Amino acid sequence: MKKEILISSDSNYDNLVAEIYIDGKYIALVSYDEEHNFFVETPTMNRSNEEIITHKVEYNTFIELLEEAKNSLK
């Protein structure tokens, strides 16, 4: 399993964001606000995007990646 976190600047957000991928499929986005509150956004349920988005992730892997993404933004 290939796990990847991409840090990027998105014009829809005031701060940097972290996109989480497993095996090239998008899982979630981690962002934060000015008070350093962190948020997780998951992809919408659009079945036409199943080649690039996954909706099922092993729990411990997901928690591990969320923590890694959050720490990457600090």
PDB file of N, CA and C in Angstrom:
ATOM      1  N   MET A   1       0.846  -1.177   0.000  1.00  0.00           N
ATOM      2  CA  MET A   1       0.000   0.000   0.000  1.00  0.00           C
ATOM      3  C   MET A   1       0.891   1.241   0.000  1.00  0.00           C
ATOM      4  N   LYS A   2       0.644   2.127  -0.952  1.00  0.00           N
ATOM      5  CA  LYS A   2       1.404   3.370  -1.048  1.00  0.00           C
ATOM      6  C   LYS A   2       0.600   4.492  -0.412  1.00  0.00           C
ATOM      7  N   LYS A   3       1.161   5.090   0.644  1.00  0.00           N
ATOM      8  CA  LYS A   3       0.514   6.205   1.344  1.00  0.00           C
ATOM      9  C   LYS A   3       1.231   7.489   0.966  1.00  0.00           C
ATOM     10  N   GLU A   4       0.449   8.533   0.687  1.00  0.00           N
ATOM     11  CA  GLU A   4       1.042   9.795   0.245  1.00  0.00           C
ATOM     12  C   GLU A   4       0.265  10.971   0.818  1.00  0.00           C
ATOM     13  N   ILE A   5       1.007  11.987   1.254  1.00  0.00           N
ATOM     14  CA  ILE A   5       0.409  13.235   1.725  1.00  0.00           C
ATOM     15  C   ILE A   5       1.034  14.366   0.923  1.00  0.00           C
ATOM     16  N   LEU A   6       0.198  15.124   0.248  1.00  0.00           N
ATOM     17  CA  LEU A   6       0.667  16.253  -0.561  1.00  0.00           C
ATOM     18  C   LEU A   6       0.270  17.553   0.114  1.00  0.00           C
ATOM     19  N   ILE A   7       1.249  18.388   0.398  1.00  0.00           N
ATOM     20  CA  ILE A   7       1.006  19.708   0.972  1.00  0.00           C
ATOM     21  C   ILE A   7       0.913  20.697  -0.187  1.00  0.00           C
ATOM     22  N   SER A   8      -0.147  21.483  -0.185  1.00  0.00           N
ATOM     23  CA  SER A   8      -0.317  22.425  -1.292  1.00  0.00           C
ATOM     24  C   SER A   8      -1.042  23.677  -0.823  1.00  0.00           C
ATOM     25  N   SER A   9      -1.015  24.665  -1.683  1.00  0.00           N
ATOM     26  CA  SER A   9      -1.745  25.902  -1.470  1.00  0.00           C
ATOM     27  C   SER A   9      -2.957  25.862  -2.396  1.00  0.00           C
ATOM     28  N   ASP A  10      -4.118  26.096  -1.846  1.00  0.00           N
ATOM     29  CA  ASP A  10      -5.363  26.052  -2.612  1.00  0.00           C
ATOM     30  C   ASP A  10      -6.056  27.397  -2.439  1.00  0.00           C
ATOM     31  N   SER A  11      -6.491  27.986  -3.523  1.00  0.00           N
ATOM     32  CA  SER A  11      -7.103  29.317  -3.448  1.00  0.00           C
ATOM     33  C   SER A  11      -8.405  29.328  -2.648  1.00  0.00           C
ATOM     34  N   ASN A  12      -8.982  28.160  -2.381  1.00  0.00           N
ATOM     35  CA  ASN A  12     -10.212  28.080  -1.592  1.00  0.00           C
ATOM     36  C   ASN A  12      -9.946  28.129  -0.086  1.00  0.00           C
ATOM     37  N   TYR A  13      -8.670  28.112   0.299  1.00  0.00           N
ATOM     38  CA  TYR A  13      -8.293  28.083   1.714  1.00  0.00           C
ATOM     39  C   TYR A  13      -7.285  29.186   2.004  1.00  0.00           C
ATOM     40  N   ASP A  14      -7.320  29.695   3.236  1.00  0.00           N
ATOM     41  CA  ASP A  14      -6.393  30.752   3.638  1.00  0.00           C
ATOM     42  C   ASP A  14      -4.997  30.210   3.929  1.00  0.00           C
ATOM     43  N   ASN A  15      -4.901  28.950   4.342  1.00  0.00           N
ATOM     44  CA  ASN A  15      -3.629  28.341   4.728  1.00  0.00           C
ATOM     45  C   ASN A  15      -3.342  27.123   3.849  1.00  0.00           C
ATOM     46  N   LEU A  16      -2.176  26.534   4.042  1.00  0.00           N
ATOM     47  CA  LEU A  16      -1.837  25.323   3.319  1.00  0.00           C
ATOM     48  C   LEU A  16      -2.798  24.193   3.677  1.00  0.00           C
ATOM     49  N   VAL A  17      -2.934  23.227   2.779  1.00  0.00           N
ATOM     50  CA  VAL A  17      -3.768  22.054   3.011  1.00  0.00           C
ATOM     51  C   VAL A  17      -2.929  20.800   2.765  1.00  0.00           C
ATOM     52  N   ALA A  18      -3.380  19.686   3.328  1.00  0.00           N
ATOM     53  CA  ALA A  18      -2.722  18.394   3.119  1.00  0.00           C
ATOM     54  C   ALA A  18      -3.738  17.439   2.503  1.00  0.00           C
ATOM     55  N   GLU A  19      -3.436  16.948   1.307  1.00  0.00           N
ATOM     56  CA  GLU A  19      -4.292  15.963   0.652  1.00  0.00           C
ATOM     57  C   GLU A  19      -3.734  14.579   0.937  1.00  0.00           C
ATOM     58  N   ILE A  20      -4.607  13.638   1.291  1.00  0.00           N
ATOM     59  CA  ILE A  20      -4.187  12.292   1.645  1.00  0.00           C
ATOM     60  C   ILE A  20      -4.614  11.321   0.538  1.00  0.00           C
ATOM     61  N   TYR A  21      -3.662  10.477   0.123  1.00  0.00           N
ATOM     62  CA  TYR A  21      -3.908   9.481  -0.917  1.00  0.00           C
ATOM     63  C   TYR A  21      -3.403   8.121  -0.457  1.00  0.00           C
ATOM     64  N   ILE A  22      -4.095   7.072  -0.863  1.00  0.00           N
ATOM     65  CA  ILE A  22      -3.614   5.703  -0.708  1.00  0.00           C
ATOM     66  C   ILE A  22      -3.713   5.037  -2.074  1.00  0.00           C
ATOM     67  N   ASP A  23      -2.586   4.466  -2.503  1.00  0.00           N
ATOM     68  CA  ASP A  23      -2.506   3.819  -3.820  1.00  0.00           C
ATOM     69  C   ASP A  23      -3.021   4.726  -4.927  1.00  0.00           C
ATOM     70  N   GLY A  24      -2.709   6.026  -4.808  1.00  0.00           N
ATOM     71  CA  GLY A  24      -3.087   6.988  -5.838  1.00  0.00           C
ATOM     72  C   GLY A  24      -4.529   7.449  -5.781  1.00  0.00           C
ATOM     73  N   LYS A  25      -5.303   6.959  -4.809  1.00  0.00           N
ATOM     74  CA  LYS A  25      -6.705   7.367  -4.690  1.00  0.00           C
ATOM     75  C   LYS A  25      -6.859   8.369  -3.551  1.00  0.00           C
ATOM     76  N   TYR A  26      -7.602   9.416  -3.826  1.00  0.00           N
ATOM     77  CA  TYR A  26      -7.838  10.495  -2.867  1.00  0.00           C
ATOM     78  C   TYR A  26      -8.730   9.998  -1.730  1.00  0.00           C
ATOM     79  N   ILE A  27      -8.335  10.354  -0.493  1.00  0.00           N
ATOM     80  CA  ILE A  27      -9.100   9.940   0.683  1.00  0.00           C
ATOM     81  C   ILE A  27      -9.697  11.131   1.408  1.00  0.00           C
ATOM     82  N   ALA A  28      -8.866  12.142   1.687  1.00  0.00           N
ATOM     83  CA  ALA A  28      -9.346  13.269   2.487  1.00  0.00           C
ATOM     84  C   ALA A  28      -8.400  14.450   2.357  1.00  0.00           C
ATOM     85  N   LEU A  29      -8.893  15.593   2.816  1.00  0.00           N
ATOM     86  CA  LEU A  29      -8.106  16.811   2.854  1.00  0.00           C
ATOM     87  C   LEU A  29      -8.102  17.306   4.295  1.00  0.00           C
ATOM     88  N   VAL A  30      -6.933  17.695   4.782  1.00  0.00           N
ATOM     89  CA  VAL A  30      -6.808  18.270   6.128  1.00  0.00           C
ATOM     90  C   VAL A  30      -6.457  19.744   5.974  1.00  0.00           C
ATOM     91  N   SER A  31      -7.201  20.597   6.659  1.00  0.00           N
ATOM     92  CA  SER A  31      -6.950  22.034   6.615  1.00  0.00           C
ATOM     93  C   SER A  31      -7.035  22.586   8.033  1.00  0.00           C
ATOM     94  N   TYR A  32      -6.704  23.855   8.172  1.00  0.00           N
ATOM     95  CA  TYR A  32      -6.816  24.502   9.487  1.00  0.00           C
ATOM     96  C   TYR A  32      -7.155  25.967   9.304  1.00  0.00           C
ATOM     97  N   ASP A  33      -7.724  26.560  10.360  1.00  0.00           N
ATOM     98  CA  ASP A  33      -8.110  27.962  10.300  1.00  0.00           C
ATOM     99  C   ASP A  33      -7.115  28.823  11.070  1.00  0.00           C
ATOM    100  N   GLU A  34      -7.430  30.096  11.191  1.00  0.00           N
ATOM    101  CA  GLU A  34      -6.522  31.051  11.831  1.00  0.00           C
ATOM    102  C   GLU A  34      -6.285  30.756  13.313  1.00  0.00           C
ATOM    103  N   GLU A  35      -7.241  30.085  13.961  1.00  0.00           N
ATOM    104  CA  GLU A  35      -7.087  29.726  15.373  1.00  0.00           C
ATOM    105  C   GLU A  35      -6.420  28.357  15.533  1.00  0.00           C
ATOM    106  N   HIS A  36      -5.931  27.803  14.434  1.00  0.00           N
ATOM    107  CA  HIS A  36      -5.275  26.484  14.389  1.00  0.00           C
ATOM    108  C   HIS A  36      -6.199  25.351  14.778  1.00  0.00           C
ATOM    109  N   ASN A  37      -7.477  25.487  14.445  1.00  0.00           N
ATOM    110  CA  ASN A  37      -8.416  24.369  14.544  1.00  0.00           C
ATOM    111  C   ASN A  37      -8.286  23.565  13.256  1.00  0.00           C
ATOM    112  N   PHE A  38      -8.124  22.264  13.384  1.00  0.00           N
ATOM    113  CA  PHE A  38      -7.937  21.417  12.209  1.00  0.00           C
ATOM    114  C   PHE A  38      -9.261  20.804  11.773  1.00  0.00           C
ATOM    115  N   PHE A  39      -9.409  20.611  10.453  1.00  0.00           N
ATOM    116  CA  PHE A  39     -10.628  20.082   9.860  1.00  0.00           C
ATOM    117  C   PHE A  39     -10.270  18.986   8.861  1.00  0.00           C
ATOM    118  N   VAL A  40     -11.170  18.015   8.723  1.00  0.00           N
ATOM    119  CA  VAL A  40     -11.010  16.950   7.732  1.00  0.00           C
ATOM    120  C   VAL A  40     -12.191  17.031   6.777  1.00  0.00           C
ATOM    121  N   GLU A  41     -11.893  17.043   5.486  1.00  0.00           N
ATOM    122  CA  GLU A  41     -12.932  17.038   4.466  1.00  0.00           C
ATOM    123  C   GLU A  41     -12.780  15.761   3.647  1.00  0.00           C
ATOM    124  N   THR A  42     -13.867  15.050   3.494  1.00  0.00           N
ATOM    125  CA  THR A  42     -13.845  13.819   2.714  1.00  0.00           C
ATOM    126  C   THR A  42     -14.540  14.057   1.375  1.00  0.00           C
ATOM    127  N   PRO A  43     -14.196  13.257   0.385  1.00  0.00           N
ATOM    128  CA  PRO A  43     -14.809  13.462  -0.936  1.00  0.00           C
ATOM    129  C   PRO A  43     -16.304  13.155  -0.911  1.00  0.00           C
ATOM    130  N   THR A  44     -17.011  13.770  -1.818  1.00  0.00           N
ATOM    131  CA  THR A  44     -18.442  13.521  -1.933  1.00  0.00           C
ATOM    132  C   THR A  44     -18.669  12.118  -2.497  1.00  0.00           C
ATOM    133  N   MET A  45     -19.849  11.598  -2.270  1.00  0.00           N
ATOM    134  CA  MET A  45     -20.192  10.254  -2.736  1.00  0.00           C
ATOM    135  C   MET A  45     -20.602  10.300  -4.207  1.00  0.00           C
ATOM    136  N   ASN A  46     -19.637  10.361  -5.077  1.00  0.00           N
ATOM    137  CA  ASN A  46     -19.890  10.370  -6.513  1.00  0.00           C
ATOM    138  C   ASN A  46     -19.260   9.106  -7.094  1.00  0.00           C
ATOM    139  N   ARG A  47     -20.060   8.154  -7.422  1.00  0.00           N
ATOM    140  CA  ARG A  47     -19.558   6.853  -7.884  1.00  0.00           C
ATOM    141  C   ARG A  47     -18.819   6.939  -9.217  1.00  0.00           C
ATOM    142  N   SER A  48     -18.984   8.021  -9.963  1.00  0.00           N
ATOM    143  CA  SER A  48     -18.270   8.146 -11.238  1.00  0.00           C
ATOM    144  C   SER A  48     -16.786   8.404 -11.041  1.00  0.00           C
ATOM    145  N   ASN A  49     -16.375   8.733  -9.809  1.00  0.00           N
ATOM    146  CA  ASN A  49     -14.966   9.025  -9.519  1.00  0.00           C
ATOM    147  C   ASN A  49     -14.253   7.890  -8.799  1.00  0.00           C
ATOM    148  N   GLU A  50     -14.779   6.669  -8.820  1.00  0.00           N
ATOM    149  CA  GLU A  50     -14.198   5.576  -8.055  1.00  0.00           C
ATOM    150  C   GLU A  50     -12.777   5.225  -8.489  1.00  0.00           C
ATOM    151  N   GLU A  51     -12.365   5.623  -9.683  1.00  0.00           N
ATOM    152  CA  GLU A  51     -10.994   5.367 -10.132  1.00  0.00           C
ATOM    153  C   GLU A  51      -9.989   6.253  -9.411  1.00  0.00           C
ATOM    154  N   ILE A  52     -10.433   7.409  -8.912  1.00  0.00           N
ATOM    155  CA  ILE A  52      -9.513   8.359  -8.285  1.00  0.00           C
ATOM    156  C   ILE A  52      -9.822   8.639  -6.821  1.00  0.00           C
ATOM    157  N   ILE A  53     -10.955   8.126  -6.320  1.00  0.00           N
ATOM    158  CA  ILE A  53     -11.365   8.362  -4.933  1.00  0.00           C
ATOM    159  C   ILE A  53     -11.708   7.026  -4.294  1.00  0.00           C
ATOM    160  N   THR A  54     -11.332   6.861  -3.041  1.00  0.00           N
ATOM    161  CA  THR A  54     -11.752   5.675  -2.301  1.00  0.00           C
ATOM    162  C   THR A  54     -12.540   6.100  -1.072  1.00  0.00           C
ATOM    163  N   HIS A  55     -13.544   5.313  -0.728  1.00  0.00           N
ATOM    164  CA  HIS A  55     -14.392   5.636   0.415  1.00  0.00           C
ATOM    165  C   HIS A  55     -14.220   4.640   1.557  1.00  0.00           C
ATOM    166  N   LYS A  56     -13.364   3.651   1.356  1.00  0.00           N
ATOM    167  CA  LYS A  56     -13.157   2.642   2.391  1.00  0.00           C
ATOM    168  C   LYS A  56     -11.674   2.539   2.704  1.00  0.00           C
ATOM    169  N   VAL A  57     -11.334   2.825   3.977  1.00  0.00           N
ATOM    170  CA  VAL A  57      -9.937   2.827   4.417  1.00  0.00           C
ATOM    171  C   VAL A  57      -9.873   2.130   5.772  1.00  0.00           C
ATOM    172  N   GLU A  58      -8.846   1.341   5.972  1.00  0.00           N
ATOM    173  CA  GLU A  58      -8.644   0.679   7.254  1.00  0.00           C
ATOM    174  C   GLU A  58      -8.488   1.752   8.331  1.00  0.00           C
ATOM    175  N   TYR A  59      -9.178   1.595   9.453  1.00  0.00           N
ATOM    176  CA  TYR A  59      -9.277   2.619  10.487  1.00  0.00           C
ATOM    177  C   TYR A  59      -7.913   3.109  10.973  1.00  0.00           C
ATOM    178  N   ASN A  60      -7.038   2.207  11.396  1.00  0.00           N
ATOM    179  CA  ASN A  60      -5.741   2.619  11.941  1.00  0.00           C
ATOM    180  C   ASN A  60      -4.896   3.340  10.910  1.00  0.00           C
ATOM    181  N   THR A  61      -4.983   2.926   9.665  1.00  0.00           N
ATOM    182  CA  THR A  61      -4.254   3.608   8.593  1.00  0.00           C
ATOM    183  C   THR A  61      -4.787   5.031   8.432  1.00  0.00           C
ATOM    184  N   PHE A  62      -6.107   5.184   8.470  1.00  0.00           N
ATOM    185  CA  PHE A  62      -6.713   6.499   8.314  1.00  0.00           C
ATOM    186  C   PHE A  62      -6.292   7.435   9.444  1.00  0.00           C
ATOM    187  N   ILE A  63      -6.346   6.961  10.697  1.00  0.00           N
ATOM    188  CA  ILE A  63      -5.956   7.781  11.846  1.00  0.00           C
ATOM    189  C   ILE A  63      -4.482   8.161  11.744  1.00  0.00           C
ATOM    190  N   GLU A  64      -3.644   7.201  11.362  1.00  0.00           N
ATOM    191  CA  GLU A  64      -2.204   7.462  11.205  1.00  0.00           C
ATOM    192  C   GLU A  64      -1.958   8.544  10.158  1.00  0.00           C
ATOM    193  N   LEU A  65      -2.648   8.458   9.034  1.00  0.00           N
ATOM    194  CA  LEU A  65      -2.467   9.448   7.972  1.00  0.00           C
ATOM    195  C   LEU A  65      -3.015  10.813   8.362  1.00  0.00           C
ATOM    196  N   LEU A  66      -4.120  10.849   9.089  1.00  0.00           N
ATOM    197  CA  LEU A  66      -4.646  12.132   9.565  1.00  0.00           C
ATOM    198  C   LEU A  66      -3.649  12.825  10.485  1.00  0.00           C
ATOM    199  N   GLU A  67      -3.058  12.081  11.398  1.00  0.00           N
ATOM    200  CA  GLU A  67      -2.055  12.656  12.309  1.00  0.00           C
ATOM    201  C   GLU A  67      -0.835  13.146  11.547  1.00  0.00           C
ATOM    202  N   GLU A  68      -0.388  12.350  10.583  1.00  0.00           N
ATOM    203  CA  GLU A  68       0.774  12.741   9.773  1.00  0.00           C
ATOM    204  C   GLU A  68       0.481  14.017   8.979  1.00  0.00           C
ATOM    205  N   ALA A  69      -0.716  14.080   8.398  1.00  0.00           N
ATOM    206  CA  ALA A  69      -1.101  15.273   7.628  1.00  0.00           C
ATOM    207  C   ALA A  69      -1.172  16.503   8.534  1.00  0.00           C
ATOM    208  N   LYS A  70      -1.770  16.353   9.699  1.00  0.00           N
ATOM    209  CA  LYS A  70      -1.876  17.464  10.652  1.00  0.00           C
ATOM    210  C   LYS A  70      -0.483  17.946  11.049  1.00  0.00           C
ATOM    211  N   ASN A  71       0.403  17.027  11.380  1.00  0.00           N
ATOM    212  CA  ASN A  71       1.766  17.389  11.790  1.00  0.00           C
ATOM    213  C   ASN A  71       2.536  18.049  10.644  1.00  0.00           C
ATOM    214  N   SER A  72       2.225  17.684   9.426  1.00  0.00           N
ATOM    215  CA  SER A  72       2.895  18.304   8.274  1.00  0.00           C
ATOM    216  C   SER A  72       2.506  19.758   8.093  1.00  0.00           C
ATOM    217  N   LEU A  73       1.344  20.126   8.605  1.00  0.00           N
ATOM    218  CA  LEU A  73       0.848  21.505   8.462  1.00  0.00           C
ATOM    219  C   LEU A  73       1.255  22.407   9.625  1.00  0.00           C
ATOM    220  N   LYS A  74       1.792  21.843  10.684  1.00  0.00           N
ATOM    221  CA  LYS A  74       2.151  22.649  11.855  1.00  0.00           C
ATOM    222  C   LYS A  74       3.384  23.490  11.573  1.00  0.00           C
TER     223      LYS A  74
END
